[in-house]
Amino acid sequence: MASKRINLTVPEHLHADLEHWANTQGRATANLAAFLIERTVADAKRTGEFPTNESDKMASQFLRTLFSGGYPQNGEIVRLAHRLGVSEEFLLDIRDRYLEGRSR
């Protein structure tokens, strides 16, 4: 995978901490910083904090609403179905089955 360079400015105390940590691992400070940034972005993607395209955000919101015990509204389902290229009935079925399963 190709790498790109970025210039990053951090407070002196953070640079000192990164430099110390990198030295204890026998690696360059920039290499440790790149690793930490990569790990942070991966964690953000995994937890849904990372902003993605609109379809992903809508799907994520739909699932969060379901998992929190909420009831996704029909308008939200219609927009999401259109963006994902699936039928509204498909998403309604997912919603209803999930909520039915939770009530048991």
N, C-alpha and C. Protein backbone atom coordinates (compact mmCIF):
# COMPACT_ATOMS: atom_id res chain seq x y z
N MET A 1 0.84 -1.16 0.00
CA MET A 1 0.00 0.00 0.00
C MET A 1 0.89 1.23 0.00
N ALA A 2 0.59 2.17 -0.86
CA ALA A 2 1.35 3.41 -0.94
C ALA A 2 1.09 4.27 0.28
N SER A 3 2.11 5.03 0.66
CA SER A 3 1.98 5.91 1.81
C SER A 3 2.03 7.36 1.35
N LYS A 4 1.39 8.21 2.09
CA LYS A 4 1.39 9.65 1.85
C LYS A 4 1.98 10.34 3.06
N ARG A 5 2.65 11.44 2.83
CA ARG A 5 3.21 12.23 3.92
C ARG A 5 2.23 13.32 4.32
N ILE A 6 2.17 13.57 5.62
CA ILE A 6 1.42 14.73 6.13
C ILE A 6 2.31 15.43 7.15
N ASN A 7 2.11 16.70 7.27
CA ASN A 7 2.79 17.46 8.33
C ASN A 7 1.83 17.55 9.50
N LEU A 8 2.33 17.23 10.66
CA LEU A 8 1.49 17.19 11.85
C LEU A 8 2.19 17.98 12.95
N THR A 9 1.48 18.91 13.54
CA THR A 9 2.02 19.70 14.63
C THR A 9 1.33 19.26 15.92
N VAL A 10 2.13 18.90 16.91
CA VAL A 10 1.60 18.47 18.20
C VAL A 10 2.26 19.28 19.31
N PRO A 11 1.60 19.39 20.45
CA PRO A 11 2.22 20.09 21.59
C PRO A 11 3.52 19.41 22.00
N GLU A 12 4.42 20.17 22.57
CA GLU A 12 5.73 19.65 22.96
C GLU A 12 5.62 18.45 23.90
N HIS A 13 4.70 18.53 24.88
CA HIS A 13 4.59 17.42 25.82
C HIS A 13 4.14 16.14 25.13
N LEU A 14 3.27 16.26 24.13
CA LEU A 14 2.83 15.08 23.39
C LEU A 14 3.96 14.52 22.55
N HIS A 15 4.73 15.39 21.94
CA HIS A 15 5.89 14.94 21.15
C HIS A 15 6.87 14.19 22.05
N ALA A 16 7.11 14.73 23.24
CA ALA A 16 8.03 14.07 24.17
C ALA A 16 7.51 12.69 24.56
N ASP A 17 6.20 12.59 24.81
CA ASP A 17 5.61 11.29 25.17
C ASP A 17 5.72 10.30 24.00
N LEU A 18 5.41 10.77 22.80
CA LEU A 18 5.51 9.90 21.62
C LEU A 18 6.95 9.45 21.38
N GLU A 19 7.87 10.38 21.52
CA GLU A 19 9.28 10.06 21.32
C GLU A 19 9.76 9.03 22.33
N HIS A 20 9.36 9.21 23.58
CA HIS A 20 9.74 8.24 24.63
C HIS A 20 9.15 6.86 24.32
N TRP A 21 7.88 6.84 23.98
CA TRP A 21 7.20 5.58 23.68
C TRP A 21 7.85 4.89 22.48
N ALA A 22 8.12 5.66 21.44
CA ALA A 22 8.74 5.11 20.23
C ALA A 22 10.13 4.55 20.55
N ASN A 23 10.89 5.27 21.35
CA ASN A 23 12.24 4.81 21.71
C ASN A 23 12.20 3.50 22.47
N THR A 24 11.20 3.35 23.36
CA THR A 24 11.11 2.10 24.12
C THR A 24 10.77 0.92 23.22
N GLN A 25 10.16 1.22 22.06
CA GLN A 25 9.81 0.16 21.11
C GLN A 25 10.84 0.02 19.98
N GLY A 26 11.85 0.87 20.01
CA GLY A 26 12.89 0.81 18.98
C GLY A 26 12.39 1.21 17.60
N ARG A 27 11.52 2.18 17.56
CA ARG A 27 10.98 2.63 16.28
C ARG A 27 11.03 4.15 16.21
N ALA A 28 10.82 4.67 15.02
CA ALA A 28 10.81 6.11 14.82
C ALA A 28 9.52 6.70 15.39
N THR A 29 9.61 7.93 15.86
CA THR A 29 8.45 8.62 16.40
C THR A 29 7.36 8.74 15.34
N ALA A 30 7.74 9.08 14.13
CA ALA A 30 6.76 9.21 13.04
C ALA A 30 6.08 7.88 12.75
N ASN A 31 6.83 6.78 12.87
CA ASN A 31 6.25 5.46 12.63
C ASN A 31 5.21 5.13 13.70
N LEU A 32 5.52 5.45 14.95
CA LEU A 32 4.56 5.22 16.04
C LEU A 32 3.32 6.10 15.85
N ALA A 33 3.52 7.36 15.50
CA ALA A 33 2.39 8.27 15.29
C ALA A 33 1.50 7.75 14.16
N ALA A 34 2.10 7.28 13.07
CA ALA A 34 1.32 6.74 11.95
C ALA A 34 0.51 5.52 12.39
N PHE A 35 1.14 4.64 13.18
CA PHE A 35 0.45 3.46 13.69
C PHE A 35 -0.74 3.86 14.57
N LEU A 36 -0.53 4.83 15.46
CA LEU A 36 -1.60 5.26 16.36
C LEU A 36 -2.74 5.92 15.59
N ILE A 37 -2.43 6.69 14.57
CA ILE A 37 -3.47 7.31 13.75
C ILE A 37 -4.24 6.23 13.01
N GLU A 38 -3.54 5.27 12.44
CA GLU A 38 -4.21 4.18 11.71
C GLU A 38 -5.14 3.39 12.63
N ARG A 39 -4.67 3.10 13.83
CA ARG A 39 -5.48 2.35 14.79
C ARG A 39 -6.70 3.16 15.23
N THR A 40 -6.53 4.45 15.43
CA THR A 40 -7.64 5.30 15.84
C THR A 40 -8.70 5.39 14.76
N VAL A 41 -8.28 5.53 13.51
CA VAL A 41 -9.24 5.58 12.40
C VAL A 41 -9.98 4.25 12.28
N ALA A 42 -9.26 3.14 12.40
CA ALA A 42 -9.90 1.82 12.33
C ALA A 42 -10.93 1.66 13.45
N ASP A 43 -10.58 2.10 14.65
CA ASP A 43 -11.52 2.03 15.78
C ASP A 43 -12.75 2.89 15.51
N ALA A 44 -12.54 4.08 14.96
CA ALA A 44 -13.66 4.97 14.65
C ALA A 44 -14.58 4.36 13.60
N LYS A 45 -14.02 3.69 12.62
CA LYS A 45 -14.84 3.03 11.60
C LYS A 45 -15.63 1.88 12.23
N ARG A 46 -14.97 1.13 13.11
CA ARG A 46 -15.63 -0.01 13.75
C ARG A 46 -16.78 0.42 14.65
N THR A 47 -16.61 1.54 15.33
CA THR A 47 -17.63 1.99 16.28
C THR A 47 -18.69 2.90 15.64
N GLY A 48 -18.52 3.23 14.37
CA GLY A 48 -19.49 4.07 13.69
C GLY A 48 -19.24 5.56 13.86
N GLU A 49 -18.13 5.94 14.49
CA GLU A 49 -17.81 7.35 14.66
C GLU A 49 -17.28 7.98 13.38
N PHE A 50 -16.71 7.17 12.51
CA PHE A 50 -16.08 7.68 11.28
C PHE A 50 -17.15 8.09 10.28
N PRO A 51 -17.10 9.33 9.80
CA PRO A 51 -18.11 9.75 8.83
C PRO A 51 -17.86 9.09 7.48
N THR A 52 -18.87 8.40 7.00
CA THR A 52 -18.76 7.73 5.71
C THR A 52 -19.76 8.36 4.76
N ASN A 53 -20.11 7.65 3.74
CA ASN A 53 -21.07 8.23 2.81
C ASN A 53 -22.47 8.27 3.43
N GLU A 54 -23.36 8.98 2.81
CA GLU A 54 -24.70 9.20 3.37
C GLU A 54 -25.47 7.89 3.60
N SER A 55 -25.30 6.93 2.69
CA SER A 55 -26.01 5.65 2.86
C SER A 55 -25.54 4.94 4.12
N ASP A 56 -24.23 4.96 4.35
CA ASP A 56 -23.71 4.32 5.55
C ASP A 56 -24.22 5.00 6.81
N LYS A 57 -24.27 6.33 6.79
CA LYS A 57 -24.77 7.06 7.96
C LYS A 57 -26.23 6.73 8.22
N MET A 58 -27.02 6.67 7.15
CA MET A 58 -28.45 6.38 7.31
C MET A 58 -28.65 4.96 7.83
N ALA A 59 -27.88 4.01 7.28
CA ALA A 59 -28.01 2.62 7.73
C ALA A 59 -27.57 2.49 9.18
N SER A 60 -26.50 3.18 9.53
CA SER A 60 -26.01 3.15 10.90
C SER A 60 -27.06 3.71 11.86
N GLN A 61 -27.70 4.80 11.47
CA GLN A 61 -28.74 5.40 12.31
C GLN A 61 -29.93 4.46 12.46
N PHE A 62 -30.32 3.82 11.37
CA PHE A 62 -31.42 2.85 11.39
C PHE A 62 -31.12 1.75 12.40
N LEU A 63 -29.91 1.19 12.33
CA LEU A 63 -29.54 0.10 13.25
C LEU A 63 -29.42 0.59 14.68
N ARG A 64 -28.83 1.78 14.88
CA ARG A 64 -28.72 2.31 16.23
C ARG A 64 -30.10 2.51 16.86
N THR A 65 -31.04 2.99 16.06
CA THR A 65 -32.40 3.19 16.56
C THR A 65 -33.00 1.86 16.99
N LEU A 66 -32.84 0.84 16.14
CA LEU A 66 -33.35 -0.49 16.48
C LEU A 66 -32.71 -1.03 17.75
N PHE A 67 -31.37 -0.99 17.80
CA PHE A 67 -30.66 -1.59 18.92
C PHE A 67 -30.92 -0.87 20.24
N SER A 68 -31.29 0.40 20.16
CA SER A 68 -31.59 1.13 21.39
C SER A 68 -33.04 0.97 21.81
N GLY A 69 -33.79 0.14 21.06
CA GLY A 69 -35.18 -0.10 21.41
C GLY A 69 -36.14 0.86 20.75
N GLY A 70 -35.63 1.71 19.87
CA GLY A 70 -36.48 2.68 19.18
C GLY A 70 -37.19 2.06 18.00
N TYR A 71 -37.98 2.87 17.35
CA TYR A 71 -38.80 2.41 16.24
C TYR A 71 -38.53 3.30 15.04
N PRO A 72 -37.67 2.84 14.08
CA PRO A 72 -37.39 3.66 12.90
C PRO A 72 -38.69 4.01 12.17
N GLN A 73 -38.83 5.26 11.83
CA GLN A 73 -40.05 5.73 11.18
C GLN A 73 -40.08 5.35 9.71
N ASN A 74 -41.29 5.31 9.16
CA ASN A 74 -41.47 4.90 7.76
C ASN A 74 -40.71 5.79 6.79
N GLY A 75 -40.70 7.11 7.04
CA GLY A 75 -39.97 8.02 6.15
C GLY A 75 -38.49 7.72 6.11
N GLU A 76 -37.93 7.42 7.25
CA GLU A 76 -36.52 7.05 7.35
C GLU A 76 -36.27 5.75 6.57
N ILE A 77 -37.18 4.83 6.70
CA ILE A 77 -37.05 3.54 6.01
C ILE A 77 -37.14 3.73 4.50
N VAL A 78 -38.06 4.57 4.05
CA VAL A 78 -38.21 4.82 2.61
C VAL A 78 -36.92 5.41 2.03
N ARG A 79 -36.36 6.42 2.72
CA ARG A 79 -35.12 7.06 2.23
C ARG A 79 -33.96 6.08 2.23
N LEU A 80 -33.83 5.29 3.28
CA LEU A 80 -32.75 4.32 3.36
C LEU A 80 -32.89 3.24 2.29
N ALA A 81 -34.10 2.74 2.08
CA ALA A 81 -34.32 1.72 1.06
C ALA A 81 -33.92 2.25 -0.31
N HIS A 82 -34.29 3.49 -0.60
CA HIS A 82 -33.93 4.10 -1.88
C HIS A 82 -32.42 4.19 -2.04
N ARG A 83 -31.74 4.66 -1.00
CA ARG A 83 -30.28 4.80 -1.06
C ARG A 83 -29.56 3.46 -1.20
N LEU A 84 -30.09 2.44 -0.52
CA LEU A 84 -29.43 1.13 -0.55
C LEU A 84 -29.84 0.29 -1.75
N GLY A 85 -30.91 0.70 -2.42
CA GLY A 85 -31.38 -0.08 -3.57
C GLY A 85 -32.09 -1.35 -3.16
N VAL A 86 -32.76 -1.31 -2.02
CA VAL A 86 -33.54 -2.46 -1.56
C VAL A 86 -34.99 -2.00 -1.41
N SER A 87 -35.88 -2.95 -1.25
CA SER A 87 -37.29 -2.58 -1.11
C SER A 87 -37.57 -2.07 0.29
N GLU A 88 -38.56 -1.22 0.38
CA GLU A 88 -39.00 -0.72 1.68
C GLU A 88 -39.51 -1.87 2.53
N GLU A 89 -40.16 -2.82 1.88
CA GLU A 89 -40.69 -3.98 2.60
C GLU A 89 -39.58 -4.78 3.28
N PHE A 90 -38.44 -4.85 2.61
CA PHE A 90 -37.29 -5.57 3.17
C PHE A 90 -36.87 -4.94 4.50
N LEU A 91 -36.72 -3.61 4.51
CA LEU A 91 -36.32 -2.93 5.74
C LEU A 91 -37.42 -2.96 6.80
N LEU A 92 -38.66 -2.85 6.37
CA LEU A 92 -39.76 -2.96 7.32
C LEU A 92 -39.77 -4.34 7.97
N ASP A 93 -39.49 -5.36 7.17
CA ASP A 93 -39.45 -6.73 7.68
C ASP A 93 -38.32 -6.87 8.70
N ILE A 94 -37.15 -6.29 8.39
CA ILE A 94 -36.03 -6.33 9.34
C ILE A 94 -36.44 -5.65 10.64
N ARG A 95 -37.03 -4.46 10.53
CA ARG A 95 -37.45 -3.71 11.71
C ARG A 95 -38.44 -4.52 12.55
N ASP A 96 -39.47 -5.02 11.88
CA ASP A 96 -40.52 -5.73 12.60
C ASP A 96 -40.03 -7.03 13.22
N ARG A 97 -39.21 -7.78 12.50
CA ARG A 97 -38.68 -9.03 13.06
C ARG A 97 -37.79 -8.77 14.26
N TYR A 98 -36.96 -7.74 14.15
CA TYR A 98 -36.06 -7.43 15.26
C TYR A 98 -36.85 -7.01 16.50
N LEU A 99 -37.80 -6.12 16.29
CA LEU A 99 -38.59 -5.64 17.43
C LEU A 99 -39.46 -6.74 18.01
N GLU A 100 -39.97 -7.62 17.15
CA GLU A 100 -40.76 -8.75 17.63
C GLU A 100 -39.90 -9.69 18.47
N GLY A 101 -38.68 -9.94 18.02
CA GLY A 101 -37.75 -10.81 18.74
C GLY A 101 -37.36 -10.24 20.10
N ARG A 102 -37.28 -8.93 20.19
CA ARG A 102 -36.92 -8.28 21.46
C ARG A 102 -38.04 -8.34 22.48
N SER A 103 -39.28 -8.40 21.97
CA SER A 103 -40.42 -8.37 22.90
C SER A 103 -40.71 -9.73 23.51
N ARG A 104 -40.03 -10.74 23.05
CA ARG A 104 -40.26 -12.10 23.60
C ARG A 104 -39.55 -12.31 24.89
